[in-house]
Amino acid sequence: MAIESRIRELGSRHESLDRTIQEETSRPVSDSTRLRELKRQKLRLKEEIEGLRARLH
């Protein structure tokens, strides 16, 4: 069950990054460098989650 716990943890971090990205894009002048890094982090989390889910099946 450790994998499922890790998936939940990563999912929570993924959602948090998504909210941060939305906040940044709603600013009048968003920081494109910060946005790019946040999106990169979000993608890494998504890939890790998918890899863990594949190990469960």
PDB file of N, CA and C in Angstrom:
ATOM      1  N   MET A   1       0.809  -1.206   0.000  1.00  0.00           N
ATOM      2  CA  MET A   1       0.000   0.000   0.000  1.00  0.00           C
ATOM      3  C   MET A   1       0.849   1.266   0.000  1.00  0.00           C
ATOM      4  N   ALA A   2       2.136   1.126   0.114  1.00  0.00           N
ATOM      5  CA  ALA A   2       3.019   2.294   0.122  1.00  0.00           C
ATOM      6  C   ALA A   2       2.941   3.043  -1.204  1.00  0.00           C
ATOM      7  N   ILE A   3       2.774   2.308  -2.295  1.00  0.00           N
ATOM      8  CA  ILE A   3       2.687   2.947  -3.609  1.00  0.00           C
ATOM      9  C   ILE A   3       1.434   3.808  -3.685  1.00  0.00           C
ATOM     10  N   GLU A   4       0.326   3.293  -3.180  1.00  0.00           N
ATOM     11  CA  GLU A   4      -0.925   4.062  -3.208  1.00  0.00           C
ATOM     12  C   GLU A   4      -0.807   5.337  -2.385  1.00  0.00           C
ATOM     13  N   SER A   5      -0.129   5.238  -1.258  1.00  0.00           N
ATOM     14  CA  SER A   5       0.082   6.409  -0.416  1.00  0.00           C
ATOM     15  C   SER A   5       0.935   7.443  -1.153  1.00  0.00           C
ATOM     16  N   ARG A   6       1.966   6.965  -1.817  1.00  0.00           N
ATOM     17  CA  ARG A   6       2.845   7.867  -2.588  1.00  0.00           C
ATOM     18  C   ARG A   6       2.064   8.525  -3.722  1.00  0.00           C
ATOM     19  N   ILE A   7       1.193   7.781  -4.377  1.00  0.00           N
ATOM     20  CA  ILE A   7       0.375   8.337  -5.461  1.00  0.00           C
ATOM     21  C   ILE A   7      -0.521   9.450  -4.917  1.00  0.00           C
ATOM     22  N   ARG A   8      -1.119   9.223  -3.752  1.00  0.00           N
ATOM     23  CA  ARG A   8      -1.972  10.259  -3.146  1.00  0.00           C
ATOM     24  C   ARG A   8      -1.157  11.508  -2.815  1.00  0.00           C
ATOM     25  N   GLU A   9       0.025  11.299  -2.258  1.00  0.00           N
ATOM     26  CA  GLU A   9       0.893  12.428  -1.911  1.00  0.00           C
ATOM     27  C   GLU A   9       1.269  13.224  -3.168  1.00  0.00           C
ATOM     28  N   LEU A  10       1.676  12.519  -4.202  1.00  0.00           N
ATOM     29  CA  LEU A  10       2.051  13.194  -5.445  1.00  0.00           C
ATOM     30  C   LEU A  10       0.850  13.880  -6.088  1.00  0.00           C
ATOM     31  N   GLY A  11      -0.311  13.255  -5.993  1.00  0.00           N
ATOM     32  CA  GLY A  11      -1.532  13.853  -6.535  1.00  0.00           C
ATOM     33  C   GLY A  11      -1.864  15.157  -5.839  1.00  0.00           C
ATOM     34  N   SER A  12      -1.662  15.182  -4.543  1.00  0.00           N
ATOM     35  CA  SER A  12      -1.904  16.402  -3.779  1.00  0.00           C
ATOM     36  C   SER A  12      -0.943  17.505  -4.203  1.00  0.00           C
ATOM     37  N   ARG A  13       0.328  17.155  -4.368  1.00  0.00           N
ATOM     38  CA  ARG A  13       1.316  18.137  -4.815  1.00  0.00           C
ATOM     39  C   ARG A  13       0.999  18.618  -6.228  1.00  0.00           C
ATOM     40  N   HIS A  14       0.513  17.713  -7.074  1.00  0.00           N
ATOM     41  CA  HIS A  14       0.137  18.049  -8.454  1.00  0.00           C
ATOM     42  C   HIS A  14      -0.993  19.077  -8.453  1.00  0.00           C
ATOM     43  N   GLU A  15      -1.999  18.845  -7.618  1.00  0.00           N
ATOM     44  CA  GLU A  15      -3.129  19.779  -7.517  1.00  0.00           C
ATOM     45  C   GLU A  15      -2.684  21.135  -6.986  1.00  0.00           C
ATOM     46  N   SER A  16      -1.777  21.113  -6.022  1.00  0.00           N
ATOM     47  CA  SER A  16      -1.254  22.358  -5.473  1.00  0.00           C
ATOM     48  C   SER A  16      -0.506  23.156  -6.542  1.00  0.00           C
ATOM     49  N   LEU A  17       0.296  22.474  -7.328  1.00  0.00           N
ATOM     50  CA  LEU A  17       1.002  23.151  -8.419  1.00  0.00           C
ATOM     51  C   LEU A  17       0.014  23.711  -9.435  1.00  0.00           C
ATOM     52  N   ASP A  18      -1.039  22.968  -9.703  1.00  0.00           N
ATOM     53  CA  ASP A  18      -2.057  23.436 -10.645  1.00  0.00           C
ATOM     54  C   ASP A  18      -2.684  24.737 -10.153  1.00  0.00           C
ATOM     55  N   ARG A  19      -2.992  24.805  -8.866  1.00  0.00           N
ATOM     56  CA  ARG A  19      -3.559  26.041  -8.297  1.00  0.00           C
ATOM     57  C   ARG A  19      -2.557  27.189  -8.385  1.00  0.00           C
ATOM     58  N   THR A  20      -1.290  26.898  -8.099  1.00  0.00           N
ATOM     59  CA  THR A  20      -0.253  27.927  -8.169  1.00  0.00           C
ATOM     60  C   THR A  20      -0.113  28.446  -9.595  1.00  0.00           C
ATOM     61  N   ILE A  21      -0.165  27.541 -10.565  1.00  0.00           N
ATOM     62  CA  ILE A  21      -0.087  27.939 -11.979  1.00  0.00           C
ATOM     63  C   ILE A  21      -1.272  28.816 -12.344  1.00  0.00           C
ATOM     64  N   GLN A  22      -2.460  28.440 -11.904  1.00  0.00           N
ATOM     65  CA  GLN A  22      -3.651  29.249 -12.192  1.00  0.00           C
ATOM     66  C   GLN A  22      -3.529  30.639 -11.582  1.00  0.00           C
ATOM     67  N   GLU A  23      -3.029  30.693 -10.354  1.00  0.00           N
ATOM     68  CA  GLU A  23      -2.846  32.003  -9.708  1.00  0.00           C
ATOM     69  C   GLU A  23      -1.855  32.861 -10.486  1.00  0.00           C
ATOM     70  N   GLU A  24      -0.775  32.251 -10.917  1.00  0.00           N
ATOM     71  CA  GLU A  24       0.264  32.989 -11.641  1.00  0.00           C
ATOM     72  C   GLU A  24      -0.270  33.502 -12.983  1.00  0.00           C
ATOM     73  N   THR A  25      -1.042  32.669 -13.678  1.00  0.00           N
ATOM     74  CA  THR A  25      -1.556  33.099 -14.983  1.00  0.00           C
ATOM     75  C   THR A  25      -2.642  34.157 -14.846  1.00  0.00           C
ATOM     76  N   SER A  26      -3.255  34.257 -13.676  1.00  0.00           N
ATOM     77  CA  SER A  26      -4.307  35.264 -13.497  1.00  0.00           C
ATOM     78  C   SER A  26      -3.737  36.631 -13.133  1.00  0.00           C
ATOM     79  N   ARG A  27      -2.443  36.698 -12.874  1.00  0.00           N
ATOM     80  CA  ARG A  27      -1.817  37.985 -12.558  1.00  0.00           C
ATOM     81  C   ARG A  27      -1.734  38.838 -13.831  1.00  0.00           C
ATOM     82  N   PRO A  28      -1.819  40.145 -13.659  1.00  0.00           N
ATOM     83  CA  PRO A  28      -1.715  41.021 -14.846  1.00  0.00           C
ATOM     84  C   PRO A  28      -0.397  40.814 -15.611  1.00  0.00           C
ATOM     85  N   VAL A  29       0.685  40.659 -14.881  1.00  0.00           N
ATOM     86  CA  VAL A  29       1.978  40.405 -15.520  1.00  0.00           C
ATOM     87  C   VAL A  29       2.567  39.148 -14.879  1.00  0.00           C
ATOM     88  N   SER A  30       2.344  38.015 -15.531  1.00  0.00           N
ATOM     89  CA  SER A  30       2.831  36.761 -14.954  1.00  0.00           C
ATOM     90  C   SER A  30       4.301  36.558 -15.309  1.00  0.00           C
ATOM     91  N   ASP A  31       4.973  35.822 -14.462  1.00  0.00           N
ATOM     92  CA  ASP A  31       6.396  35.525 -14.638  1.00  0.00           C
ATOM     93  C   ASP A  31       6.519  34.266 -15.506  1.00  0.00           C
ATOM     94  N   SER A  32       6.900  34.448 -16.752  1.00  0.00           N
ATOM     95  CA  SER A  32       6.941  33.316 -17.686  1.00  0.00           C
ATOM     96  C   SER A  32       7.978  32.273 -17.281  1.00  0.00           C
ATOM     97  N   THR A  33       9.073  32.702 -16.699  1.00  0.00           N
ATOM     98  CA  THR A  33      10.097  31.754 -16.252  1.00  0.00           C
ATOM     99  C   THR A  33       9.557  30.894 -15.114  1.00  0.00           C
ATOM    100  N   ARG A  34       8.888  31.528 -14.174  1.00  0.00           N
ATOM    101  CA  ARG A  34       8.299  30.787 -13.049  1.00  0.00           C
ATOM    102  C   ARG A  34       7.218  29.829 -13.549  1.00  0.00           C
ATOM    103  N   LEU A  35       6.387  30.304 -14.472  1.00  0.00           N
ATOM    104  CA  LEU A  35       5.334  29.450 -15.028  1.00  0.00           C
ATOM    105  C   LEU A  35       5.920  28.223 -15.712  1.00  0.00           C
ATOM    106  N   ARG A  36       6.966  28.425 -16.481  1.00  0.00           N
ATOM    107  CA  ARG A  36       7.592  27.306 -17.191  1.00  0.00           C
ATOM    108  C   ARG A  36       8.120  26.271 -16.193  1.00  0.00           C
ATOM    109  N   GLU A  37       8.755  26.729 -15.125  1.00  0.00           N
ATOM    110  CA  GLU A  37       9.291  25.813 -14.116  1.00  0.00           C
ATOM    111  C   GLU A  37       8.159  25.097 -13.371  1.00  0.00           C
ATOM    112  N   LEU A  38       7.102  25.806 -13.034  1.00  0.00           N
ATOM    113  CA  LEU A  38       5.961  25.181 -12.355  1.00  0.00           C
ATOM    114  C   LEU A  38       5.333  24.102 -13.244  1.00  0.00           C
ATOM    115  N   LYS A  39       5.193  24.402 -14.521  1.00  0.00           N
ATOM    116  CA  LYS A  39       4.605  23.429 -15.454  1.00  0.00           C
ATOM    117  C   LYS A  39       5.520  22.216 -15.619  1.00  0.00           C
ATOM    118  N   ARG A  40       6.816  22.453 -15.617  1.00  0.00           N
ATOM    119  CA  ARG A  40       7.778  21.352 -15.715  1.00  0.00           C
ATOM    120  C   ARG A  40       7.658  20.447 -14.487  1.00  0.00           C
ATOM    121  N   GLN A  41       7.557  21.058 -13.307  1.00  0.00           N
ATOM    122  CA  GLN A  41       7.407  20.277 -12.074  1.00  0.00           C
ATOM    123  C   GLN A  41       6.109  19.473 -12.098  1.00  0.00           C
ATOM    124  N   LYS A  42       5.049  20.102 -12.561  1.00  0.00           N
ATOM    125  CA  LYS A  42       3.746  19.440 -12.626  1.00  0.00           C
ATOM    126  C   LYS A  42       3.812  18.233 -13.575  1.00  0.00           C
ATOM    127  N   LEU A  43       4.485  18.400 -14.701  1.00  0.00           N
ATOM    128  CA  LEU A  43       4.623  17.302 -15.652  1.00  0.00           C
ATOM    129  C   LEU A  43       5.433  16.152 -15.056  1.00  0.00           C
ATOM    130  N   ARG A  44       6.519  16.472 -14.338  1.00  0.00           N
ATOM    131  CA  ARG A  44       7.315  15.424 -13.691  1.00  0.00           C
ATOM    132  C   ARG A  44       6.478  14.632 -12.699  1.00  0.00           C
ATOM    133  N   LEU A  45       5.653  15.353 -11.930  1.00  0.00           N
ATOM    134  CA  LEU A  45       4.786  14.666 -10.962  1.00  0.00           C
ATOM    135  C   LEU A  45       3.798  13.754 -11.683  1.00  0.00           C
ATOM    136  N   LYS A  46       3.205  14.255 -12.761  1.00  0.00           N
ATOM    137  CA  LYS A  46       2.235  13.458 -13.521  1.00  0.00           C
ATOM    138  C   LYS A  46       2.888  12.181 -14.049  1.00  0.00           C
ATOM    139  N   GLU A  47       4.095  12.321 -14.583  1.00  0.00           N
ATOM    140  CA  GLU A  47       4.802  11.153 -15.103  1.00  0.00           C
ATOM    141  C   GLU A  47       5.124  10.155 -13.994  1.00  0.00           C
ATOM    142  N   GLU A  48       5.508  10.651 -12.837  1.00  0.00           N
ATOM    143  CA  GLU A  48       5.812   9.759 -11.716  1.00  0.00           C
ATOM    144  C   GLU A  48       4.544   9.041 -11.250  1.00  0.00           C
ATOM    145  N   ILE A  49       3.437   9.776 -11.178  1.00  0.00           N
ATOM    146  CA  ILE A  49       2.158   9.172 -10.782  1.00  0.00           C
ATOM    147  C   ILE A  49       1.772   8.072 -11.766  1.00  0.00           C
ATOM    148  N   GLU A  50       1.879   8.358 -13.049  1.00  0.00           N
ATOM    149  CA  GLU A  50       1.521   7.365 -14.069  1.00  0.00           C
ATOM    150  C   GLU A  50       2.408   6.126 -13.975  1.00  0.00           C
ATOM    151  N   GLY A  51       3.699   6.342 -13.714  1.00  0.00           N
ATOM    152  CA  GLY A  51       4.615   5.209 -13.565  1.00  0.00           C
ATOM    153  C   GLY A  51       4.255   4.343 -12.373  1.00  0.00           C
ATOM    154  N   LEU A  52       3.896   4.970 -11.264  1.00  0.00           N
ATOM    155  CA  LEU A  52       3.495   4.216 -10.078  1.00  0.00           C
ATOM    156  C   LEU A  52       2.188   3.471 -10.314  1.00  0.00           C
ATOM    157  N   ARG A  53       1.253   4.119 -10.986  1.00  0.00           N
ATOM    158  CA  ARG A  53      -0.018   3.447 -11.282  1.00  0.00           C
ATOM    159  C   ARG A  53       0.200   2.229 -12.172  1.00  0.00           C
ATOM    160  N   ALA A  54       1.124   2.331 -13.107  1.00  0.00           N
ATOM    161  CA  ALA A  54       1.420   1.208 -14.003  1.00  0.00           C
ATOM    162  C   ALA A  54       1.984   0.034 -13.199  1.00  0.00           C
ATOM    163  N   ARG A  55       2.753   0.328 -12.151  1.00  0.00           N
ATOM    164  CA  ARG A  55       3.308  -0.739 -11.316  1.00  0.00           C
ATOM    165  C   ARG A  55       2.229  -1.454 -10.518  1.00  0.00           C
ATOM    166  N   LEU A  56       1.115  -0.791 -10.266  1.00  0.00           N
ATOM    167  CA  LEU A  56       0.028  -1.413  -9.493  1.00  0.00           C
ATOM    168  C   LEU A  56      -0.769  -2.405 -10.331  1.00  0.00           C
ATOM    169  N   HIS A  57      -0.727  -2.258 -11.651  1.00  0.00           N
ATOM    170  CA  HIS A  57      -1.560  -3.113 -12.517  1.00  0.00           C
ATOM    171  C   HIS A  57      -0.780  -4.209 -13.158  1.00  0.00           C
TER     172      HIS A  57
END
